[in-house]
């Protein structure tokens, strides 16, 4: 997860996913919805008929329940869903998969929850980010932190290629992949230009990906 100020961990609105959202959304699910601010933002912009969130933290889930149509408190990997819990046009899974014991099985489960033509939008941090690589190679340091790429609650780590393999492991088809970390004003943007983009994978902080479930 990107570095955030205290108190923003569960409430940050992920507006960078806006261009990846489908034009029409009827049923929407956000896994790891936090306080529900991102899902509420999509609810306002795309007017889905039903928005559900899943959140592990009980306090954040209570806050989300004030903004969304339904909130489930618990671990996505361990939850049992009713038979009619499926056919979602959009599933958000932002900064979540790297926290899971078996993210590959989680993607397979998400695949089943999607409606034909539905999309999953996910974000996954890049372990090749230059600050992480530099600390490891030059200083021999791999220091876990409260947030960021080396968030101490991360169980899995991904590069671009392994992140793309993960989101496609169940047969979901890749449509869009973009990266954060080189927005205007960021030092990494200028470093990327100075190196003629030859080191671009090391300046990409996080991958934002859209995959789609196509019907046969």
Protein backbone atom coordinates (compact mmCIF):
# COMPACT_ATOMS: atom_id res chain seq x y z
CA UNK A 1 0.00 0.00 0.00
CA UNK A 2 1.15 3.53 -0.72
CA UNK A 3 2.52 5.55 2.16
CA UNK A 4 -0.27 7.54 3.81
CA UNK A 5 -0.57 9.89 6.72
CA UNK A 6 -1.90 8.47 9.99
CA UNK A 7 -5.65 7.99 9.81
CA UNK A 8 -5.73 7.75 6.00
CA UNK A 9 -4.87 4.05 5.79
CA UNK A 10 -8.54 3.03 5.65
CA UNK A 11 -10.07 6.19 4.18
CA UNK A 12 -7.87 7.14 1.23
CA UNK A 13 -9.96 7.52 -1.97
CA UNK A 14 -8.23 5.76 -4.84
CA UNK A 15 -9.15 8.15 -7.62
CA UNK A 16 -6.28 6.89 -9.80
CA UNK A 17 -8.46 3.90 -10.72
CA UNK A 18 -11.05 6.15 -12.37
CA UNK A 19 -9.92 5.49 -15.94
CA UNK A 20 -10.02 1.72 -15.36
CA UNK A 21 -13.63 1.57 -14.20
CA UNK A 22 -16.22 0.14 -16.62
CA UNK A 23 -18.83 2.48 -18.03
CA UNK A 24 -21.77 0.57 -16.58
CA UNK A 25 -21.84 -0.92 -13.09
CA UNK A 26 -24.91 -2.56 -11.58
CA UNK A 27 -23.48 -4.71 -8.78
CA UNK A 28 -20.17 -3.80 -7.18
CA UNK A 29 -17.97 -5.37 -4.53
CA UNK A 30 -14.88 -3.94 -2.88
CA UNK A 31 -12.63 -6.40 -1.04
CA UNK A 32 -10.75 -4.55 1.68
CA UNK A 33 -13.06 -1.55 1.51
CA UNK A 34 -11.63 0.19 4.59
CA UNK A 35 -14.03 2.92 5.70
CA UNK A 36 -15.81 2.69 2.37
CA UNK A 37 -14.65 5.97 0.87
CA UNK A 38 -13.42 4.59 -2.45
CA UNK A 39 -16.54 2.45 -2.94
CA UNK A 40 -18.71 5.44 -1.99
CA UNK A 41 -16.88 7.56 -4.56
CA UNK A 42 -17.57 4.95 -7.27
CA UNK A 43 -21.18 4.72 -6.07
CA UNK A 44 -21.57 8.44 -6.60
CA UNK A 45 -19.84 8.52 -10.00
CA UNK A 46 -21.27 5.33 -11.56
CA UNK A 47 -24.58 4.94 -9.70
CA UNK A 48 -24.54 1.15 -9.22
CA UNK A 49 -27.74 -0.39 -7.86
CA UNK A 50 -25.96 -2.31 -5.07
CA UNK A 51 -22.54 -1.81 -3.49
CA UNK A 52 -21.06 -4.30 -1.04
CA UNK A 53 -17.82 -4.09 0.90
CA UNK A 54 -15.72 -6.67 2.71
CA UNK A 55 -13.43 -5.41 5.47
CA UNK A 56 -11.29 -7.23 8.02
CA UNK A 57 -11.00 -4.37 10.51
CA UNK A 58 -14.25 -4.14 12.56
CA UNK A 59 -14.03 -0.40 13.24
CA UNK A 60 -13.44 0.43 9.59
CA UNK A 61 -16.29 -1.92 8.62
CA UNK A 62 -18.70 -0.03 10.91
CA UNK A 63 -17.75 3.24 9.21
CA UNK A 64 -18.15 1.68 5.75
CA UNK A 65 -21.62 0.40 6.63
CA UNK A 66 -22.79 4.02 6.87
CA UNK A 67 -21.86 4.63 3.22
CA UNK A 68 -22.44 1.35 1.38
CA UNK A 69 -25.48 -0.88 0.87
CA UNK A 70 -23.97 -3.85 2.67
CA UNK A 71 -20.71 -4.57 4.49
CA UNK A 72 -19.32 -7.94 5.52
CA UNK A 73 -16.73 -8.03 8.30
CA UNK A 74 -14.13 -10.74 7.96
CA UNK A 75 -11.25 -12.27 6.03
CA UNK A 76 -12.12 -12.73 2.36
CA UNK A 77 -10.14 -15.98 2.23
CA UNK A 78 -12.17 -17.53 5.06
CA UNK A 79 -15.68 -16.16 4.48
CA UNK A 80 -18.59 -18.33 3.39
CA UNK A 81 -20.89 -16.53 0.99
CA UNK A 82 -24.57 -17.24 0.31
CA UNK A 83 -25.51 -18.86 -3.00
CA UNK A 84 -26.71 -15.57 -4.49
CA UNK A 85 -23.47 -13.72 -3.73
CA UNK A 86 -22.12 -13.41 -7.28
CA UNK A 87 -22.67 -11.69 -10.64
CA UNK A 88 -20.68 -8.56 -9.81
CA UNK A 89 -19.95 -6.19 -12.68
CA UNK A 90 -17.04 -4.67 -10.79
CA UNK A 91 -14.81 -6.01 -8.03
CA UNK A 92 -12.18 -3.74 -6.51
CA UNK A 93 -9.24 -5.42 -4.83
CA UNK A 94 -6.87 -2.56 -4.06
CA UNK A 95 -3.73 -3.24 -2.03
CA UNK A 96 -5.20 -6.50 -0.81
CA UNK A 97 -3.74 -9.49 -2.66
CA UNK A 98 -0.25 -9.04 -1.21
CA UNK A 99 -1.74 -9.41 2.29
CA UNK A 100 -3.32 -12.82 1.61
CA UNK A 101 -2.00 -16.27 2.37
CA UNK A 102 -3.02 -17.60 -1.05
CA UNK A 103 -3.69 -14.71 -3.44
CA UNK A 104 -3.88 -17.12 -6.40
CA UNK A 105 -6.83 -18.92 -4.82
CA UNK A 106 -8.35 -15.53 -3.98
CA UNK A 107 -8.20 -14.53 -7.67
CA UNK A 108 -9.90 -17.80 -8.62
CA UNK A 109 -12.62 -17.03 -6.10
CA UNK A 110 -13.03 -13.51 -7.44
CA UNK A 111 -13.35 -14.95 -10.94
CA UNK A 112 -16.37 -16.97 -9.80
CA UNK A 113 -17.97 -13.91 -8.19
CA UNK A 114 -17.78 -11.84 -11.38
CA UNK A 115 -20.63 -11.64 -13.86
CA UNK A 116 -19.79 -12.49 -17.49
CA UNK A 117 -18.11 -9.37 -18.81
CA UNK A 118 -17.38 -8.16 -15.28
CA UNK A 119 -14.02 -6.67 -14.37
CA UNK A 120 -11.64 -6.77 -11.44
CA UNK A 121 -9.51 -3.70 -10.79
CA UNK A 122 -6.57 -4.36 -8.52
CA UNK A 123 -3.39 -2.64 -7.36
CA UNK A 124 -0.22 -4.46 -6.40
CA UNK A 125 3.05 -2.90 -5.14
CA UNK A 126 6.28 -3.43 -7.08
CA UNK A 127 9.02 -5.07 -5.03
CA UNK A 128 11.60 -3.93 -7.64
CA UNK A 129 11.05 -0.30 -6.65
CA UNK A 130 14.45 1.37 -6.56
CA UNK A 131 14.38 2.36 -2.89
CA UNK A 132 13.70 -1.23 -1.84
CA UNK A 133 16.34 -2.65 -4.20
CA UNK A 134 18.94 -0.05 -3.18
CA UNK A 135 18.44 -0.69 0.53
CA UNK A 136 18.79 -4.42 0.00
CA UNK A 137 21.78 -4.44 -2.36
CA UNK A 138 23.76 -1.49 -1.03
CA UNK A 139 22.91 -1.62 2.66
CA UNK A 140 21.79 -5.20 3.23
CA UNK A 141 18.54 -3.87 4.70
CA UNK A 142 15.04 -5.29 4.36
CA UNK A 143 13.20 -3.30 7.01
CA UNK A 144 9.48 -3.77 7.40
CA UNK A 145 7.39 -0.63 7.97
CA UNK A 146 3.89 0.34 9.03
CA UNK A 147 2.85 0.93 5.41
CA UNK A 148 4.35 1.14 1.95
CA UNK A 149 5.90 -1.61 -0.16
CA UNK A 150 7.49 -3.29 2.87
CA UNK A 151 4.33 -3.07 4.96
CA UNK A 152 4.87 -5.56 7.78
CA UNK A 153 1.49 -7.17 7.04
CA UNK A 154 2.46 -8.09 3.46
CA UNK A 155 2.78 -11.85 3.00
CA UNK A 156 3.55 -11.89 -0.73
CA UNK A 157 5.75 -9.73 -2.97
CA UNK A 158 5.42 -9.16 -6.71
CA UNK A 159 7.20 -7.73 -9.70
CA UNK A 160 5.34 -6.62 -12.82
CA UNK A 161 5.55 -10.04 -14.46
CA UNK A 162 4.50 -12.01 -11.37
CA UNK A 163 1.67 -9.54 -10.65
CA UNK A 164 0.32 -10.06 -14.17
CA UNK A 165 0.65 -13.82 -13.80
CA UNK A 166 -1.33 -13.63 -10.57
CA UNK A 167 -4.28 -11.67 -11.93
CA UNK A 168 -4.53 -13.95 -14.96
CA UNK A 169 -4.06 -17.26 -13.13
CA UNK A 170 -7.77 -18.15 -13.29
CA UNK A 171 -8.31 -17.17 -16.90
CA UNK A 172 -9.29 -13.53 -16.41
CA UNK A 173 -8.06 -11.57 -19.41
CA UNK A 174 -5.72 -8.62 -19.09
CA UNK A 175 -7.04 -5.33 -20.46
CA UNK A 176 -5.07 -2.50 -18.83
CA UNK A 177 -1.94 -2.21 -16.74
CA UNK A 178 -0.54 1.11 -15.57
CA UNK A 179 1.92 2.18 -12.89
CA UNK A 180 2.05 4.80 -10.17
CA UNK A 181 5.20 6.47 -8.89
CA UNK A 182 6.08 8.75 -11.80
CA UNK A 183 3.37 11.37 -11.55
CA UNK A 184 4.29 15.03 -12.28
CA UNK A 185 6.46 16.42 -9.51
CA UNK A 186 7.81 13.05 -8.39
CA UNK A 187 11.61 12.64 -8.36
CA UNK A 188 11.24 9.23 -9.96
CA UNK A 189 9.68 10.88 -13.01
CA UNK A 190 12.83 12.92 -13.63
CA UNK A 191 15.12 10.01 -12.88
CA UNK A 192 13.22 7.95 -15.43
CA UNK A 193 13.73 10.65 -18.04
CA UNK A 194 17.42 10.97 -17.23
CA UNK A 195 17.88 7.23 -17.75
CA UNK A 196 15.83 7.27 -21.01
CA UNK A 197 13.30 4.90 -19.39
CA UNK A 198 15.88 2.10 -19.42
CA UNK A 199 15.34 1.67 -15.66
CA UNK A 200 11.61 2.29 -15.72
CA UNK A 201 10.66 -0.94 -13.85
CA UNK A 202 12.63 0.33 -10.86
CA UNK A 203 10.69 3.61 -10.71
CA UNK A 204 7.23 2.02 -10.86
CA UNK A 205 5.86 2.05 -7.34
CA UNK A 206 2.65 0.11 -7.84
CA UNK A 207 0.77 -1.57 -10.67
CA UNK A 208 -2.90 -0.80 -11.26
CA UNK A 209 -4.48 -3.53 -13.36
CA UNK A 210 -7.84 -4.31 -14.96
CA UNK A 211 -8.81 -7.83 -15.98
CA UNK A 212 -12.13 -9.04 -17.40
CA UNK A 213 -14.19 -12.21 -17.23
CA UNK A 214 -15.26 -13.07 -20.75
CA UNK A 215 -18.18 -15.40 -21.34
CA UNK A 216 -17.71 -18.42 -23.59
